[in-house]
Amino acid sequence: MPSTRRILFSSLALVLAAAAVPAAAQTAAAGAQVAVAVGAKVVDTAGGEVGTVTAIQGANLLVKTDKHEVALPKTSFTPTDKGLLFALTRAQLNAQVDQQLAAQGPVVSVGATVYDPQGGVVGTVEALDAQFATVKLPNSTVKLPVSAFGRGPKGPLVGETAAAIEAKANAAGAASAPAAATPPAGQ
């Protein structure tokens, strides 16, 4: 249940705003321009695919690459007949997002309160290793993959409520009671 990372980089926005692409847009063949809309294809100046617009959030477009989902200013895009033209390649955008994430430190840590998408408390991280975080829920304790956590406005975020996670844990435990006590591989 990996969560989607949604990140707004103000420093990246400034770089992109400065790297305007109107000259490249002028070289695009005349034709119907792609509208700025959910589902629009985002391409780089060489025509390579960068990603797809998944949402419009005020003055920003949420763009999903093969690796990240990131909010970028609408002013960083130029509509063309081939897609929304963007100054960076997918690899360059992914690298900048990776740098920002590395600079922010780990998503989850021992003692952190974990939240659901609506801002409700899911539980508290009791233990952490390279692969799993042990989270104390209201009625049980579960191990969740570290990749299941994203950054939320209050702290670590998972894609489901505590009740939904506990229901899945109970169902998995009932289906394979002996295996429930077995730690995941690599533990």
Protein backbone atom coordinates (compact mmCIF):
# COMPACT_ATOMS: atom_id res chain seq x y z
CA MET A 1 0.00 0.00 0.00
CA PRO A 2 2.70 2.47 -0.96
CA SER A 3 1.48 6.02 -0.62
CA THR A 4 1.97 8.62 -3.23
CA ARG A 5 4.46 11.28 -2.31
CA ARG A 6 3.14 14.72 -3.01
CA ILE A 7 5.74 17.42 -2.71
CA LEU A 8 5.79 21.12 -3.48
CA PHE A 9 9.28 22.50 -3.99
CA SER A 10 9.41 26.25 -3.86
CA SER A 11 13.11 26.28 -4.75
CA LEU A 12 12.43 23.99 -7.69
CA ALA A 13 9.58 26.25 -8.74
CA LEU A 14 11.91 29.24 -8.88
CA VAL A 15 14.42 27.33 -10.99
CA LEU A 16 11.70 26.17 -13.35
CA ALA A 17 10.11 29.59 -13.63
CA ALA A 18 13.48 31.00 -14.66
CA ALA A 19 13.96 28.23 -17.21
CA ALA A 20 11.11 29.32 -19.45
CA VAL A 21 10.58 27.32 -22.62
CA PRO A 22 8.78 29.64 -25.04
CA ALA A 23 11.53 29.35 -27.69
CA ALA A 24 11.09 25.59 -27.81
CA ALA A 25 7.32 26.05 -27.94
CA GLN A 26 7.68 28.28 -31.01
CA THR A 27 9.47 25.48 -32.86
CA ALA A 28 6.60 23.05 -32.26
CA ALA A 29 4.57 22.27 -35.35
CA ALA A 30 1.41 24.30 -35.76
CA GLY A 31 -1.62 22.35 -34.64
CA ALA A 32 -4.03 21.84 -31.81
CA GLN A 33 -2.38 22.54 -28.49
CA VAL A 34 -2.80 20.18 -25.57
CA ALA A 35 -5.02 21.73 -22.92
CA VAL A 36 -3.79 22.17 -19.36
CA ALA A 37 -5.97 19.44 -17.86
CA VAL A 38 -5.86 16.27 -15.79
CA GLY A 39 -4.49 13.50 -18.00
CA ALA A 40 -2.37 15.83 -20.14
CA LYS A 41 0.99 14.44 -21.21
CA VAL A 42 4.07 16.37 -20.07
CA VAL A 43 7.08 16.33 -22.42
CA ASP A 44 10.59 17.78 -22.30
CA THR A 45 12.12 20.07 -24.92
CA ALA A 46 13.38 17.06 -26.90
CA GLY A 47 9.93 15.46 -26.92
CA GLY A 48 10.72 12.87 -24.25
CA GLU A 49 7.96 11.91 -21.84
CA VAL A 50 8.25 13.47 -18.39
CA GLY A 51 4.93 12.37 -16.91
CA THR A 52 1.19 13.00 -16.74
CA VAL A 53 -0.87 15.68 -15.01
CA THR A 54 -2.87 13.96 -12.25
CA ALA A 55 -4.47 17.02 -10.66
CA ILE A 56 -4.72 20.79 -10.84
CA GLN A 57 -4.20 22.42 -7.46
CA GLY A 58 -4.68 26.16 -7.76
CA ALA A 59 -1.60 27.62 -9.43
CA ASN A 60 0.12 24.20 -9.53
CA LEU A 61 -0.09 21.06 -11.62
CA LEU A 62 0.44 17.72 -9.90
CA VAL A 63 2.66 15.72 -12.27
CA LYS A 64 3.26 11.97 -11.91
CA THR A 65 6.55 10.70 -13.28
CA ASP A 66 7.63 7.06 -13.22
CA LYS A 67 8.95 7.63 -9.69
CA HIS A 68 7.33 10.65 -8.01
CA GLU A 69 4.23 12.80 -7.95
CA VAL A 70 5.16 16.45 -7.57
CA ALA A 71 3.35 19.81 -7.58
CA LEU A 72 4.86 22.29 -10.02
CA PRO A 73 3.78 25.82 -10.96
CA LYS A 74 1.55 26.08 -14.06
CA THR A 75 3.90 28.78 -15.32
CA SER A 76 6.57 26.08 -15.82
CA PHE A 77 4.60 24.58 -18.72
CA THR A 78 3.89 25.66 -22.29
CA PRO A 79 1.01 23.96 -24.13
CA THR A 80 2.05 22.52 -27.52
CA ASP A 81 0.57 20.03 -29.96
CA LYS A 82 2.78 17.29 -28.46
CA GLY A 83 1.92 17.89 -24.81
CA LEU A 84 2.72 20.32 -22.04
CA LEU A 85 6.30 21.39 -22.64
CA PHE A 86 8.52 21.34 -19.55
CA ALA A 87 12.15 22.48 -19.21
CA LEU A 88 13.47 19.34 -17.44
CA THR A 89 13.68 15.72 -18.54
CA ARG A 90 12.01 13.07 -16.40
CA ALA A 91 15.44 11.97 -15.13
CA GLN A 92 16.35 15.55 -14.16
CA LEU A 93 13.03 16.11 -12.38
CA ASN A 94 13.32 12.79 -10.52
CA ALA A 95 16.89 13.64 -9.50
CA GLN A 96 15.81 17.03 -8.11
CA VAL A 97 12.96 15.42 -6.16
CA ASP A 98 15.34 12.73 -4.84
CA GLN A 99 17.74 15.46 -3.68
CA GLN A 100 14.95 17.31 -1.87
CA LEU A 101 13.76 14.11 -0.18
CA ALA A 102 17.29 13.19 0.92
CA ALA A 103 17.76 16.65 2.38
CA GLN A 104 14.53 16.30 4.38
CA GLY A 105 15.72 13.15 6.14
CA PRO A 106 13.77 9.99 6.85
CA VAL A 107 9.98 9.92 6.41
CA VAL A 108 9.37 7.89 9.56
CA SER A 109 11.17 7.60 12.90
CA VAL A 110 10.68 5.83 16.23
CA GLY A 111 8.16 7.70 18.37
CA ALA A 112 6.53 9.46 15.42
CA THR A 113 2.76 9.70 15.30
CA VAL A 114 1.40 8.24 12.02
CA TYR A 115 -1.60 9.85 10.30
CA ASP A 116 -4.17 8.77 7.70
CA PRO A 117 -5.02 10.87 4.59
CA GLN A 118 -7.80 12.70 6.47
CA GLY A 119 -5.41 13.71 9.27
CA GLY A 120 -6.64 11.13 11.77
CA VAL A 121 -4.14 9.43 14.07
CA VAL A 122 -3.32 5.87 12.99
CA GLY A 123 -0.80 5.03 15.70
CA THR A 124 2.77 5.47 16.93
CA VAL A 125 5.99 4.02 15.53
CA GLU A 126 7.50 1.73 18.18
CA ALA A 127 10.39 0.24 16.21
CA LEU A 128 12.07 0.74 12.86
CA ASP A 129 14.54 -1.11 10.66
CA ALA A 130 15.59 -0.73 7.03
CA GLN A 131 12.47 -2.51 5.72
CA PHE A 132 9.68 -2.22 8.30
CA ALA A 133 8.17 0.12 10.87
CA THR A 134 6.34 -1.42 13.82
CA VAL A 135 3.27 0.72 14.50
CA LYS A 136 1.17 0.53 17.66
CA LEU A 137 -2.47 0.93 16.56
CA PRO A 138 -5.37 1.45 19.00
CA ASN A 139 -6.05 -2.29 19.33
CA SER A 140 -3.00 -4.04 17.89
CA THR A 141 0.55 -3.69 16.63
CA VAL A 142 1.50 -4.16 12.97
CA LYS A 143 4.62 -4.10 10.83
CA LEU A 144 4.30 -1.90 7.78
CA PRO A 145 6.84 -1.56 4.97
CA VAL A 146 8.81 1.68 5.23
CA SER A 147 7.74 2.33 1.61
CA ALA A 148 4.11 2.57 2.83
CA PHE A 149 4.82 5.94 4.47
CA GLY A 150 4.69 9.34 2.85
CA ARG A 151 5.21 12.84 4.18
CA GLY A 152 2.07 14.43 5.53
CA PRO A 153 1.47 17.94 6.87
CA LYS A 154 1.57 16.69 10.48
CA GLY A 155 4.07 13.82 10.10
CA PRO A 156 4.33 10.34 8.56
CA LEU A 157 1.28 9.42 6.50
CA VAL A 158 -0.17 6.06 5.41
CA GLY A 159 -2.95 5.52 2.90
CA GLU A 160 -5.50 3.94 5.26
CA THR A 161 -7.13 4.51 8.63
CA ALA A 162 -6.15 2.59 11.75
CA ALA A 163 -9.45 0.65 11.57
CA ALA A 164 -8.78 -0.43 7.98
CA ILE A 165 -5.22 -1.52 8.80
CA GLU A 166 -6.39 -3.44 11.87
CA ALA A 167 -9.15 -5.15 9.84
CA LYS A 168 -6.61 -6.28 7.25
CA ALA A 169 -4.21 -7.47 9.95
CA ASN A 170 -7.01 -9.42 11.67
CA ALA A 171 -8.12 -10.97 8.36
CA ALA A 172 -4.54 -11.96 7.51
CA GLY A 173 -4.08 -13.38 11.01
CA ALA A 174 -7.29 -15.45 10.78
CA ALA A 175 -6.36 -16.78 7.34
CA SER A 176 -2.90 -17.91 8.43
CA ALA A 177 -2.75 -17.94 12.21
CA PRO A 178 0.62 -19.77 12.48
CA ALA A 179 2.29 -17.42 9.99
CA ALA A 180 1.04 -14.29 11.78
CA ALA A 181 3.69 -14.67 14.49
CA THR A 182 6.48 -15.23 11.94
CA PRO A 183 8.51 -12.10 11.31
CA PRO A 184 8.80 -10.96 7.69
CA ALA A 185 11.74 -12.24 5.64
CA GLY A 186 14.99 -10.55 6.53
CA GLN A 187 14.01 -9.90 10.15
